[in-house]
C-alpha cells in the first residue's frame, strides 16, 4: 500500500527511509530496552507508531486511548501482522484527562517514554 501512496504525495521513497536504515541497529536496541506509554495510541498516527514499537519488540508497550473499539482493532492488527512479541503489551481504554487516568499514571512503578498523540 505504501508504494501506491508515494506518487500521490510526490515522493519516490518514504521520507525517513535512509535515516531509519542508517540508524536501525541503534533504534531497535533502544526500543527493545525501553518502556513506552502511547497516549492516543489507537488513532491513525498512534496505531502506526504502536506497530513500529511492537515490531521492534519494545520491553513494555502500554497504549491508552478513549476508544475501546479502535483499541480492539489495533490489537487485532498487531496480532495478525506482527504476532505476539516478547515484551509486555497492554491496552487501557481511558480518557487521558480523567481522574482515573491520573490514578493509572500514579500507580505506574517505572518510567516510560511518553508519546502523547491525542489532540
PDB file of N, CA and C in Angstrom:
ATOM      1  N   UNK A   1       0.823  -1.194   0.000  1.00  0.00           N
ATOM      2  CA  UNK A   1       0.000   0.000   0.000  1.00  0.00           C
ATOM      3  C   UNK A   1       0.865   1.255   0.000  1.00  0.00           C
ATOM      4  N   UNK A   2       1.982   1.223   0.719  1.00  0.00           N
ATOM      5  CA  UNK A   2       2.841   2.392   0.806  1.00  0.00           C
ATOM      6  C   UNK A   2       3.323   2.829  -0.573  1.00  0.00           C
ATOM      7  N   UNK A   3       3.649   1.873  -1.435  1.00  0.00           N
ATOM      8  CA  UNK A   3       4.117   2.210  -2.776  1.00  0.00           C
ATOM      9  C   UNK A   3       3.049   2.930  -3.591  1.00  0.00           C
ATOM     10  N   UNK A   4       1.784   2.646  -3.331  1.00  0.00           N
ATOM     11  CA  UNK A   4       0.693   3.310  -4.042  1.00  0.00           C
ATOM     12  C   UNK A   4       0.516   4.756  -3.593  1.00  0.00           C
ATOM     13  N   UNK A   5       0.882   5.056  -2.363  1.00  0.00           N
ATOM     14  CA  UNK A   5       0.693   6.393  -1.801  1.00  0.00           C
ATOM     15  C   UNK A   5       1.803   7.351  -2.226  1.00  0.00           C
ATOM     16  N   UNK A   6       3.011   6.859  -2.360  1.00  0.00           N
ATOM     17  CA  UNK A   6       4.155   7.726  -2.644  1.00  0.00           C
ATOM     18  C   UNK A   6       3.950   8.634  -3.860  1.00  0.00           C
ATOM     19  N   UNK A   7       3.481   8.156  -5.001  1.00  0.00           N
ATOM     20  CA  UNK A   7       3.263   9.062  -6.140  1.00  0.00           C
ATOM     21  C   UNK A   7       2.219  10.143  -5.845  1.00  0.00           C
ATOM     22  N   UNK A   8       1.233   9.799  -5.031  1.00  0.00           N
ATOM     23  CA  UNK A   8       0.196  10.780  -4.696  1.00  0.00           C
ATOM     24  C   UNK A   8       0.742  11.957  -3.898  1.00  0.00           C
ATOM     25  N   UNK A   9       1.773  11.699  -3.090  1.00  0.00           N
ATOM     26  CA  UNK A   9       2.344  12.774  -2.270  1.00  0.00           C
ATOM     27  C   UNK A   9       3.646  13.312  -2.863  1.00  0.00           C
ATOM     28  N   UNK A  10       3.941  12.900  -4.096  1.00  0.00           N
ATOM     29  CA  UNK A  10       5.089  13.449  -4.810  1.00  0.00           C
ATOM     30  C   UNK A  10       6.435  12.926  -4.348  1.00  0.00           C
ATOM     31  N   UNK A  11       6.472  11.694  -3.855  1.00  0.00           N
ATOM     32  CA  UNK A  11       7.737  11.115  -3.400  1.00  0.00           C
ATOM     33  C   UNK A  11       8.014   9.819  -4.143  1.00  0.00           C
ATOM     34  N   UNK A  12       9.287   9.483  -4.223  1.00  0.00           N
ATOM     35  CA  UNK A  12       9.676   8.198  -4.808  1.00  0.00           C
ATOM     36  C   UNK A  12      10.058   7.190  -3.734  1.00  0.00           C
ATOM     37  N   UNK A  13      10.343   7.676  -2.528  1.00  0.00           N
ATOM     38  CA  UNK A  13      10.714   6.804  -1.404  1.00  0.00           C
ATOM     39  C   UNK A  13      10.157   7.415  -0.118  1.00  0.00           C
ATOM     40  N   UNK A  14       9.934   6.594   0.903  1.00  0.00           N
ATOM     41  CA  UNK A  14       9.477   7.136   2.186  1.00  0.00           C
ATOM     42  C   UNK A  14      10.455   8.188   2.717  1.00  0.00           C
ATOM     43  N   UNK A  15       9.933   9.214   3.362  1.00  0.00           N
ATOM     44  CA  UNK A  15      10.707  10.374   3.800  1.00  0.00           C
ATOM     45  C   UNK A  15      11.893  10.010   4.696  1.00  0.00           C
ATOM     46  N   UNK A  16      11.697   9.109   5.631  1.00  0.00           N
ATOM     47  CA  UNK A  16      12.752   8.798   6.599  1.00  0.00           C
ATOM     48  C   UNK A  16      13.457   7.474   6.317  1.00  0.00           C
ATOM     49  N   UNK A  17      13.268   6.921   5.146  1.00  0.00           N
ATOM     50  CA  UNK A  17      13.811   5.599   4.821  1.00  0.00           C
ATOM     51  C   UNK A  17      15.326   5.518   5.037  1.00  0.00           C
ATOM     52  N   UNK A  18      16.085   6.484   4.534  1.00  0.00           N
ATOM     53  CA  UNK A  18      17.548   6.458   4.678  1.00  0.00           C
ATOM     54  C   UNK A  18      17.967   6.620   6.134  1.00  0.00           C
ATOM     55  N   UNK A  19      17.329   7.548   6.857  1.00  0.00           N
ATOM     56  CA  UNK A  19      17.678   7.764   8.261  1.00  0.00           C
ATOM     57  C   UNK A  19      17.424   6.514   9.098  1.00  0.00           C
ATOM     58  N   UNK A  20      16.297   5.867   8.842  1.00  0.00           N
ATOM     59  CA  UNK A  20      15.971   4.652   9.591  1.00  0.00           C
ATOM     60  C   UNK A  20      16.964   3.548   9.251  1.00  0.00           C
ATOM     61  N   UNK A  21      17.302   3.394   7.984  1.00  0.00           N
ATOM     62  CA  UNK A  21      18.251   2.351   7.579  1.00  0.00           C
ATOM     63  C   UNK A  21      19.611   2.552   8.240  1.00  0.00           C
ATOM     64  N   UNK A  22      20.095   3.783   8.270  1.00  0.00           N
ATOM     65  CA  UNK A  22      21.399   4.080   8.864  1.00  0.00           C
ATOM     66  C   UNK A  22      21.396   3.833  10.374  1.00  0.00           C
ATOM     67  N   UNK A  23      20.279   4.115  11.023  1.00  0.00           N
ATOM     68  CA  UNK A  23      20.200   4.026  12.484  1.00  0.00           C
ATOM     69  C   UNK A  23      19.396   2.833  12.992  1.00  0.00           C
ATOM     70  N   UNK A  24      19.112   1.868  12.141  1.00  0.00           N
ATOM     71  CA  UNK A  24      18.241   0.742  12.513  1.00  0.00           C
ATOM     72  C   UNK A  24      18.734  -0.006  13.753  1.00  0.00           C
ATOM     73  N   UNK A  25      20.005  -0.313  13.828  1.00  0.00           N
ATOM     74  CA  UNK A  25      20.528  -1.072  14.978  1.00  0.00           C
ATOM     75  C   UNK A  25      20.342  -0.286  16.272  1.00  0.00           C
ATOM     76  N   UNK A  26      20.674   0.998  16.246  1.00  0.00           N
ATOM     77  CA  UNK A  26      20.511   1.838  17.434  1.00  0.00           C
ATOM     78  C   UNK A  26      19.040   1.966  17.822  1.00  0.00           C
ATOM     79  N   UNK A  27      18.184   2.236  16.848  1.00  0.00           N
ATOM     80  CA  UNK A  27      16.748   2.362  17.120  1.00  0.00           C
ATOM     81  C   UNK A  27      16.191   1.077  17.721  1.00  0.00           C
ATOM     82  N   UNK A  28      16.511  -0.043  17.105  1.00  0.00           N
ATOM     83  CA  UNK A  28      15.984  -1.325  17.575  1.00  0.00           C
ATOM     84  C   UNK A  28      16.453  -1.646  18.985  1.00  0.00           C
ATOM     85  N   UNK A  29      17.729  -1.421  19.265  1.00  0.00           N
ATOM     86  CA  UNK A  29      18.248  -1.703  20.611  1.00  0.00           C
ATOM     87  C   UNK A  29      17.625  -0.778  21.654  1.00  0.00           C
ATOM     88  N   UNK A  30      17.512   0.496  21.337  1.00  0.00           N
ATOM     89  CA  UNK A  30      16.910   1.451  22.269  1.00  0.00           C
ATOM     90  C   UNK A  30      15.455   1.092  22.544  1.00  0.00           C
ATOM     91  N   UNK A  31      14.710   0.779  21.516  1.00  0.00           N
ATOM     92  CA  UNK A  31      13.297   0.420  21.683  1.00  0.00           C
ATOM     93  C   UNK A  31      13.168  -0.889  22.449  1.00  0.00           C
ATOM     94  N   UNK A  32      13.998  -1.875  22.124  1.00  0.00           N
ATOM     95  CA  UNK A  32      13.940  -3.177  22.783  1.00  0.00           C
ATOM     96  C   UNK A  32      14.174  -3.062  24.292  1.00  0.00           C
ATOM     97  N   UNK A  33      14.938  -2.079  24.719  1.00  0.00           N
ATOM     98  CA  UNK A  33      15.269  -1.915  26.134  1.00  0.00           C
ATOM     99  C   UNK A  33      14.467  -0.815  26.820  1.00  0.00           C
ATOM    100  N   UNK A  34      13.387  -0.357  26.198  1.00  0.00           N
ATOM    101  CA  UNK A  34      12.639   0.783  26.732  1.00  0.00           C
ATOM    102  C   UNK A  34      11.177   0.448  26.976  1.00  0.00           C
ATOM    103  N   UNK A  35      10.578   1.266  27.833  1.00  0.00           N
ATOM    104  CA  UNK A  35       9.151   1.177  28.163  1.00  0.00           C
ATOM    105  C   UNK A  35       8.453   2.373  27.525  1.00  0.00           C
ATOM    106  N   UNK A  36       7.326   2.128  26.865  1.00  0.00           N
ATOM    107  CA  UNK A  36       6.602   3.189  26.176  1.00  0.00           C
ATOM    108  C   UNK A  36       5.159   3.253  26.638  1.00  0.00           C
ATOM    109  N   UNK A  37       4.684   4.473  26.809  1.00  0.00           N
ATOM    110  CA  UNK A  37       3.274   4.743  27.045  1.00  0.00           C
ATOM    111  C   UNK A  37       2.813   5.626  25.894  1.00  0.00           C
ATOM    112  N   UNK A  38       1.932   5.102  25.055  1.00  0.00           N
ATOM    113  CA  UNK A  38       1.429   5.847  23.904  1.00  0.00           C
ATOM    114  C   UNK A  38       0.013   6.296  24.232  1.00  0.00           C
ATOM    115  N   UNK A  39      -0.155   7.597  24.402  1.00  0.00           N
ATOM    116  CA  UNK A  39      -1.462   8.175  24.722  1.00  0.00           C
ATOM    117  C   UNK A  39      -2.101   8.612  23.407  1.00  0.00           C
ATOM    118  N   UNK A  40      -3.295   8.119  23.142  1.00  0.00           N
ATOM    119  CA  UNK A  40      -3.929   8.346  21.847  1.00  0.00           C
ATOM    120  C   UNK A  40      -3.426   7.328  20.839  1.00  0.00           C
ATOM    121  N   UNK A  41      -3.080   6.158  21.330  1.00  0.00           N
ATOM    122  CA  UNK A  41      -2.415   5.150  20.514  1.00  0.00           C
ATOM    123  C   UNK A  41      -3.287   4.365  19.564  1.00  0.00           C
ATOM    124  N   UNK A  42      -4.599   4.530  19.613  1.00  0.00           N
ATOM    125  CA  UNK A  42      -5.460   3.759  18.715  1.00  0.00           C
ATOM    126  C   UNK A  42      -5.915   4.573  17.509  1.00  0.00           C
ATOM    127  N   UNK A  43      -5.484   5.814  17.408  1.00  0.00           N
ATOM    128  CA  UNK A  43      -5.805   6.628  16.239  1.00  0.00           C
ATOM    129  C   UNK A  43      -4.888   6.274  15.079  1.00  0.00           C
ATOM    130  N   UNK A  44      -4.986   7.012  14.012  1.00  0.00           N
ATOM    131  CA  UNK A  44      -4.217   6.707  12.806  1.00  0.00           C
ATOM    132  C   UNK A  44      -2.715   6.787  13.045  1.00  0.00           C
ATOM    133  N   UNK A  45      -2.239   7.907  13.554  1.00  0.00           N
ATOM    134  CA  UNK A  45      -0.806   8.082  13.793  1.00  0.00           C
ATOM    135  C   UNK A  45      -0.355   7.214  14.964  1.00  0.00           C
ATOM    136  N   UNK A  46      -1.130   7.210  16.034  1.00  0.00           N
ATOM    137  CA  UNK A  46      -0.778   6.423  17.215  1.00  0.00           C
ATOM    138  C   UNK A  46      -0.653   4.944  16.921  1.00  0.00           C
ATOM    139  N   UNK A  47      -1.579   4.400  16.144  1.00  0.00           N
ATOM    140  CA  UNK A  47      -1.523   2.968  15.841  1.00  0.00           C
ATOM    141  C   UNK A  47      -0.320   2.636  14.958  1.00  0.00           C
ATOM    142  N   UNK A  48       0.038   3.539  14.053  1.00  0.00           N
ATOM    143  CA  UNK A  48       1.232   3.320  13.223  1.00  0.00           C
ATOM    144  C   UNK A  48       2.486   3.304  14.093  1.00  0.00           C
ATOM    145  N   UNK A  49       2.553   4.208  15.058  1.00  0.00           N
ATOM    146  CA  UNK A  49       3.692   4.238  15.975  1.00  0.00           C
ATOM    147  C   UNK A  49       3.720   2.978  16.830  1.00  0.00           C
ATOM    148  N   UNK A  50       2.561   2.563  17.323  1.00  0.00           N
ATOM    149  CA  UNK A  50       2.492   1.335  18.132  1.00  0.00           C
ATOM    150  C   UNK A  50       2.986   0.131  17.339  1.00  0.00           C
ATOM    151  N   UNK A  51       2.601   0.029  16.076  1.00  0.00           N
ATOM    152  CA  UNK A  51       3.072  -1.082  15.243  1.00  0.00           C
ATOM    153  C   UNK A  51       4.590  -1.057  15.098  1.00  0.00           C
ATOM    154  N   UNK A  52       5.157   0.133  14.905  1.00  0.00           N
ATOM    155  CA  UNK A  52       6.617   0.237  14.787  1.00  0.00           C
ATOM    156  C   UNK A  52       7.306  -0.175  16.086  1.00  0.00           C
ATOM    157  N   UNK A  53       6.781   0.285  17.222  1.00  0.00           N
ATOM    158  CA  UNK A  53       7.375  -0.084  18.513  1.00  0.00           C
ATOM    159  C   UNK A  53       7.240  -1.581  18.762  1.00  0.00           C
ATOM    160  N   UNK A  54       6.084  -2.135  18.430  1.00  0.00           N
ATOM    161  CA  UNK A  54       5.852  -3.563  18.640  1.00  0.00           C
ATOM    162  C   UNK A  54       6.744  -4.390  17.719  1.00  0.00           C
ATOM    163  N   UNK A  55       6.892  -3.954  16.469  1.00  0.00           N
ATOM    164  CA  UNK A  55       7.749  -4.659  15.510  1.00  0.00           C
ATOM    165  C   UNK A  55       9.181  -4.733  16.012  1.00  0.00           C
ATOM    166  N   UNK A  56       9.621  -3.691  16.691  1.00  0.00           N
ATOM    167  CA  UNK A  56      10.986  -3.657  17.221  1.00  0.00           C
ATOM    168  C   UNK A  56      11.066  -4.239  18.635  1.00  0.00           C
ATOM    169  N   UNK A  57       9.994  -4.898  19.069  1.00  0.00           N
ATOM    170  CA  UNK A  57       9.972  -5.689  20.299  1.00  0.00           C
ATOM    171  C   UNK A  57      10.288  -4.867  21.551  1.00  0.00           C
ATOM    172  N   UNK A  58       9.538  -3.791  21.758  1.00  0.00           N
ATOM    173  CA  UNK A  58       9.771  -2.957  22.940  1.00  0.00           C
ATOM    174  C   UNK A  58       9.594  -3.768  24.220  1.00  0.00           C
ATOM    175  N   UNK A  59      10.347  -3.378  25.231  1.00  0.00           N
ATOM    176  CA  UNK A  59      10.285  -4.061  26.532  1.00  0.00           C
ATOM    177  C   UNK A  59       8.873  -3.988  27.093  1.00  0.00           C
ATOM    178  N   UNK A  60       8.292  -2.796  27.057  1.00  0.00           N
ATOM    179  CA  UNK A  60       6.913  -2.570  27.504  1.00  0.00           C
ATOM    180  C   UNK A  60       6.259  -1.606  26.525  1.00  0.00           C
ATOM    181  N   UNK A  61       5.049  -1.946  26.107  1.00  0.00           N
ATOM    182  CA  UNK A  61       4.247  -1.046  25.282  1.00  0.00           C
ATOM    183  C   UNK A  61       2.857  -0.995  25.883  1.00  0.00           C
ATOM    184  N   UNK A  62       2.549   0.127  26.519  1.00  0.00           N
ATOM    185  CA  UNK A  62       1.217   0.367  27.069  1.00  0.00           C
ATOM    186  C   UNK A  62       0.554   1.425  26.201  1.00  0.00           C
ATOM    187  N   UNK A  63      -0.677   1.159  25.814  1.00  0.00           N
ATOM    188  CA  UNK A  63      -1.404   2.046  24.912  1.00  0.00           C
ATOM    189  C   UNK A  63      -2.668   2.525  25.607  1.00  0.00           C
ATOM    190  N   UNK A  64      -2.853   3.845  25.637  1.00  0.00           N
ATOM    191  CA  UNK A  64      -4.054   4.452  26.218  1.00  0.00           C
ATOM    192  C   UNK A  64      -4.815   5.154  25.106  1.00  0.00           C
ATOM    193  N   UNK A  65      -6.113   4.905  25.048  1.00  0.00           N
ATOM    194  CA  UNK A  65      -6.975   5.605  24.105  1.00  0.00           C
ATOM    195  C   UNK A  65      -8.394   5.575  24.651  1.00  0.00           C
ATOM    196  N   UNK A  66      -9.158   6.591  24.344  1.00  0.00           N
ATOM    197  CA  UNK A  66     -10.536   6.666  24.835  1.00  0.00           C
ATOM    198  C   UNK A  66     -11.459   5.719  24.061  1.00  0.00           C
ATOM    199  N   UNK A  67     -11.061   5.334  22.848  1.00  0.00           N
ATOM    200  CA  UNK A  67     -11.910   4.488  22.001  1.00  0.00           C
ATOM    201  C   UNK A  67     -11.575   3.011  22.183  1.00  0.00           C
ATOM    202  N   UNK A  68     -12.436   2.324  22.883  1.00  0.00           N
ATOM    203  CA  UNK A  68     -12.227   0.888  23.096  1.00  0.00           C
ATOM    204  C   UNK A  68     -12.313   0.123  21.778  1.00  0.00           C
ATOM    205  N   UNK A  69     -13.210   0.526  20.889  1.00  0.00           N
ATOM    206  CA  UNK A  69     -13.341  -0.142  19.589  1.00  0.00           C
ATOM    207  C   UNK A  69     -12.067  -0.013  18.760  1.00  0.00           C
ATOM    208  N   UNK A  70     -11.501   1.182  18.715  1.00  0.00           N
ATOM    209  CA  UNK A  70     -10.256   1.376  17.969  1.00  0.00           C
ATOM    210  C   UNK A  70      -9.110   0.588  18.594  1.00  0.00           C
ATOM    211  N   UNK A  71      -9.138   0.471  19.914  1.00  0.00           N
ATOM    212  CA  UNK A  71      -8.107  -0.285  20.615  1.00  0.00           C
ATOM    213  C   UNK A  71      -8.176  -1.771  20.224  1.00  0.00           C
ATOM    214  N   UNK A  72      -9.394  -2.303  20.142  1.00  0.00           N
ATOM    215  CA  UNK A  72      -9.574  -3.703  19.729  1.00  0.00           C
ATOM    216  C   UNK A  72      -9.022  -3.902  18.320  1.00  0.00           C
ATOM    217  N   UNK A  73      -9.292  -2.958  17.433  1.00  0.00           N
ATOM    218  CA  UNK A  73      -8.775  -3.047  16.061  1.00  0.00           C
ATOM    219  C   UNK A  73      -7.249  -3.001  16.047  1.00  0.00           C
ATOM    220  N   UNK A  74      -6.665  -2.160  16.887  1.00  0.00           N
ATOM    221  CA  UNK A  74      -5.204  -2.075  16.982  1.00  0.00           C
ATOM    222  C   UNK A  74      -4.624  -3.421  17.402  1.00  0.00           C
ATOM    223  N   UNK A  75      -5.192  -4.016  18.440  1.00  0.00           N
ATOM    224  CA  UNK A  75      -4.693  -5.310  18.929  1.00  0.00           C
ATOM    225  C   UNK A  75      -4.832  -6.374  17.845  1.00  0.00           C
ATOM    226  N   UNK A  76      -5.973  -6.427  17.184  1.00  0.00           N
ATOM    227  CA  UNK A  76      -6.174  -7.405  16.099  1.00  0.00           C
ATOM    228  C   UNK A  76      -5.144  -7.212  14.991  1.00  0.00           C
ATOM    229  N   UNK A  77      -4.922  -5.964  14.617  1.00  0.00           N
ATOM    230  CA  UNK A  77      -3.975  -5.661  13.549  1.00  0.00           C
ATOM    231  C   UNK A  77      -2.564  -6.095  13.931  1.00  0.00           C
ATOM    232  N   UNK A  78      -2.142  -5.746  15.139  1.00  0.00           N
ATOM    233  CA  UNK A  78      -0.793  -6.108  15.588  1.00  0.00           C
ATOM    234  C   UNK A  78      -0.644  -7.621  15.680  1.00  0.00           C
ATOM    235  N   UNK A  79      -1.604  -8.286  16.299  1.00  0.00           N
ATOM    236  CA  UNK A  79      -1.515  -9.743  16.473  1.00  0.00           C
ATOM    237  C   UNK A  79      -1.518 -10.479  15.129  1.00  0.00           C
ATOM    238  N   UNK A  80      -2.307  -9.992  14.172  1.00  0.00           N
ATOM    239  CA  UNK A  80      -2.390 -10.689  12.885  1.00  0.00           C
ATOM    240  C   UNK A  80      -1.206 -10.383  11.972  1.00  0.00           C
ATOM    241  N   UNK A  81      -0.586  -9.212  12.123  1.00  0.00           N
ATOM    242  CA  UNK A  81       0.505  -8.850  11.218  1.00  0.00           C
ATOM    243  C   UNK A  81       1.889  -9.053  11.828  1.00  0.00           C
ATOM    244  N   UNK A  82       2.026  -8.818  13.127  1.00  0.00           N
ATOM    245  CA  UNK A  82       3.341  -8.889  13.768  1.00  0.00           C
ATOM    246  C   UNK A  82       3.464 -10.126  14.653  1.00  0.00           C
ATOM    247  N   UNK A  83       2.398 -10.497  15.316  1.00  0.00           N
ATOM    248  CA  UNK A  83       2.440 -11.654  16.212  1.00  0.00           C
ATOM    249  C   UNK A  83       2.308 -11.227  17.659  1.00  0.00           C
ATOM    250  N   UNK A  84       3.061 -11.872  18.528  1.00  0.00           N
ATOM    251  CA  UNK A  84       2.908 -11.621  19.956  1.00  0.00           C
ATOM    252  C   UNK A  84       4.116 -10.961  20.604  1.00  0.00           C
ATOM    253  N   UNK A  85       5.300 -11.152  20.135  1.00  0.00           N
ATOM    254  CA  UNK A  85       6.468 -10.492  20.695  1.00  0.00           C
ATOM    255  C   UNK A  85       6.820 -10.998  22.079  1.00  0.00           C
ATOM    256  N   UNK A  86       7.938 -10.497  22.594  1.00  0.00           N
ATOM    257  CA  UNK A  86       8.443 -10.927  23.898  1.00  0.00           C
ATOM    258  C   UNK A  86       8.116  -9.939  25.010  1.00  0.00           C
ATOM    259  N   UNK A  87       7.875  -8.690  24.653  1.00  0.00           N
ATOM    260  CA  UNK A  87       7.659  -7.655  25.662  1.00  0.00           C
ATOM    261  C   UNK A  87       6.244  -7.646  26.207  1.00  0.00           C
ATOM    262  N   UNK A  88       6.054  -6.803  27.203  1.00  0.00           N
ATOM    263  CA  UNK A  88       4.728  -6.625  27.803  1.00  0.00           C
ATOM    264  C   UNK A  88       3.919  -5.669  26.932  1.00  0.00           C
ATOM    265  N   UNK A  89       2.730  -6.091  26.561  1.00  0.00           N
ATOM    266  CA  UNK A  89       1.845  -5.276  25.731  1.00  0.00           C
ATOM    267  C   UNK A  89       0.487  -5.224  26.402  1.00  0.00           C
ATOM    268  N   UNK A  90       0.005  -4.016  26.681  1.00  0.00           N
ATOM    269  CA  UNK A  90      -1.304  -3.870  27.323  1.00  0.00           C
ATOM    270  C   UNK A  90      -1.978  -2.613  26.797  1.00  0.00           C
ATOM    271  N   UNK A  91      -3.305  -2.669  26.727  1.00  0.00           N
ATOM    272  CA  UNK A  91      -4.084  -1.514  26.299  1.00  0.00           C
ATOM    273  C   UNK A  91      -5.028  -1.099  27.416  1.00  0.00           C
ATOM    274  N   UNK A  92      -5.313   0.196  27.468  1.00  0.00           N
ATOM    275  CA  UNK A  92      -6.172   0.751  28.507  1.00  0.00           C
ATOM    276  C   UNK A  92      -7.125   1.752  27.868  1.00  0.00           C
ATOM    277  N   UNK A  93      -8.413   1.480  27.962  1.00  0.00           N
ATOM    278  CA  UNK A  93      -9.425   2.393  27.431  1.00  0.00           C
ATOM    279  C   UNK A  93      -9.708   3.449  28.492  1.00  0.00           C
ATOM    280  N   UNK A  94      -8.962   4.547  28.422  1.00  0.00           N
ATOM    281  CA  UNK A  94      -9.060   5.617  29.415  1.00  0.00           C
ATOM    282  C   UNK A  94      -9.102   6.971  28.731  1.00  0.00           C
ATOM    283  N   UNK A  95      -9.793   7.909  29.338  1.00  0.00           N
ATOM    284  CA  UNK A  95      -9.771   9.312  28.916  1.00  0.00           C
ATOM    285  C   UNK A  95      -8.544   9.940  29.559  1.00  0.00           C
ATOM    286  N   UNK A  96      -7.622  10.450  28.748  1.00  0.00           N
ATOM    287  CA  UNK A  96      -6.360  10.959  29.294  1.00  0.00           C
ATOM    288  C   UNK A  96      -6.532  12.218  30.142  1.00  0.00           C
ATOM    289  N   UNK A  97      -7.730  12.772  30.191  1.00  0.00           N
ATOM    290  CA  UNK A  97      -7.980  13.932  31.040  1.00  0.00           C
ATOM    291  C   UNK A  97      -8.736  13.588  32.312  1.00  0.00           C
ATOM    292  N   UNK A  98      -8.917  12.305  32.574  1.00  0.00           N
ATOM    293  CA  UNK A  98      -9.759  11.886  33.699  1.00  0.00           C
ATOM    294  C   UNK A  98      -8.960  11.622  34.976  1.00  0.00           C
ATOM    295  N   UNK A  99      -9.685  11.574  36.074  1.00  0.00           N
ATOM    296  CA  UNK A  99      -9.083  11.210  37.362  1.00  0.00           C
ATOM    297  C   UNK A  99      -8.582   9.767  37.328  1.00  0.00           C
ATOM    298  N   UNK A 100      -9.300   8.914  36.627  1.00  0.00           N
ATOM    299  CA  UNK A 100      -8.885   7.511  36.519  1.00  0.00           C
ATOM    300  C   UNK A 100      -7.531   7.419  35.817  1.00  0.00           C
ATOM    301  N   UNK A 101      -7.338   8.229  34.779  1.00  0.00           N
ATOM    302  CA  UNK A 101      -6.052   8.242  34.085  1.00  0.00           C
ATOM    303  C   UNK A 101      -4.947   8.712  35.024  1.00  0.00           C
ATOM    304  N   UNK A 102      -5.208   9.762  35.796  1.00  0.00           N
ATOM    305  CA  UNK A 102      -4.205  10.249  36.750  1.00  0.00           C
ATOM    306  C   UNK A 102      -3.850   9.163  37.765  1.00  0.00           C
ATOM    307  N   UNK A 103      -4.858   8.442  38.235  1.00  0.00           N
ATOM    308  CA  UNK A 103      -4.606   7.344  39.176  1.00  0.00           C
ATOM    309  C   UNK A 103      -3.778   6.243  38.500  1.00  0.00           C
ATOM    310  N   UNK A 104      -4.093   5.954  37.248  1.00  0.00           N
ATOM    311  CA  UNK A 104      -3.332   4.962  36.481  1.00  0.00           C
ATOM    312  C   UNK A 104      -1.861   5.363  36.407  1.00  0.00           C
ATOM    313  N   UNK A 105      -1.599   6.611  36.068  1.00  0.00           N
ATOM    314  CA  UNK A 105      -0.222   7.099  35.955  1.00  0.00           C
ATOM    315  C   UNK A 105       0.483   7.040  37.308  1.00  0.00           C
ATOM    316  N   UNK A 106      -0.207   7.435  38.361  1.00  0.00           N
ATOM    317  CA  UNK A 106       0.401   7.423  39.695  1.00  0.00           C
ATOM    318  C   UNK A 106       0.744   6.017  40.175  1.00  0.00           C
ATOM    319  N   UNK A 107       0.039   5.012  39.671  1.00  0.00           N
ATOM    320  CA  UNK A 107       0.292   3.625  40.070  1.00  0.00           C
ATOM    321  C   UNK A 107       1.463   2.988  39.323  1.00  0.00           C
ATOM    322  N   UNK A 108       1.891   3.600  38.250  1.00  0.00           N
ATOM    323  CA  UNK A 108       2.979   3.018  37.466  1.00  0.00           C
ATOM    324  C   UNK A 108       4.285   3.119  38.243  1.00  0.00           C
ATOM    325  N   UNK A 109       5.010   2.034  38.275  1.00  0.00           N
ATOM    326  CA  UNK A 109       6.252   1.967  39.053  1.00  0.00           C
ATOM    327  C   UNK A 109       7.477   2.409  38.258  1.00  0.00           C
ATOM    328  N   UNK A 110       7.417   2.289  36.975  1.00  0.00           N
ATOM    329  CA  UNK A 110       8.586   2.566  36.139  1.00  0.00           C
ATOM    330  C   UNK A 110       8.358   3.800  35.276  1.00  0.00           C
ATOM    331  N   UNK A 111       9.450   4.341  34.818  1.00  0.00           N
ATOM    332  CA  UNK A 111       9.395   5.496  33.930  1.00  0.00           C
ATOM    333  C   UNK A 111       9.203   5.022  32.492  1.00  0.00           C
ATOM    334  N   UNK A 112       8.400   5.764  31.767  1.00  0.00           N
ATOM    335  CA  UNK A 112       8.132   5.479  30.361  1.00  0.00           C
ATOM    336  C   UNK A 112       8.769   6.548  29.481  1.00  0.00           C
ATOM    337  N   UNK A 113       8.906   6.215  28.204  1.00  0.00           N
ATOM    338  CA  UNK A 113       8.976   7.218  27.159  1.00  0.00           C
ATOM    339  C   UNK A 113       7.515   7.536  26.883  1.00  0.00           C
ATOM    340  N   UNK A 114       7.122   8.779  27.011  1.00  0.00           N
ATOM    341  CA  UNK A 114       5.720   9.166  26.784  1.00  0.00           C
ATOM    342  C   UNK A 114       5.557   9.648  25.358  1.00  0.00           C
ATOM    343  N   UNK A 115       4.557   9.137  24.680  1.00  0.00           N
ATOM    344  CA  UNK A 115       4.203   9.615  23.348  1.00  0.00           C
ATOM    345  C   UNK A 115       2.760  10.072  23.416  1.00  0.00           C
ATOM    346  N   UNK A 116       2.550  11.386  23.428  1.00  0.00           N
ATOM    347  CA  UNK A 116       1.198  11.951  23.538  1.00  0.00           C
ATOM    348  C   UNK A 116       0.692  12.279  22.139  1.00  0.00           C
ATOM    349  N   UNK A 117      -0.252  11.499  21.677  1.00  0.00           N
ATOM    350  CA  UNK A 117      -0.752  11.673  20.320  1.00  0.00           C
ATOM    351  C   UNK A 117      -2.206  12.076  20.285  1.00  0.00           C
ATOM    352  N   UNK A 118      -2.793  12.300  21.455  1.00  0.00           N
ATOM    353  CA  UNK A 118      -4.202  12.706  21.478  1.00  0.00           C
ATOM    354  C   UNK A 118      -4.280  14.214  21.302  1.00  0.00           C
ATOM    355  N   UNK A 119      -5.293  14.651  20.601  1.00  0.00           N
ATOM    356  CA  UNK A 119      -5.456  16.085  20.342  1.00  0.00           C
ATOM    357  C   UNK A 119      -6.749  16.549  20.971  1.00  0.00           C
TER     358      UNK A 119
END
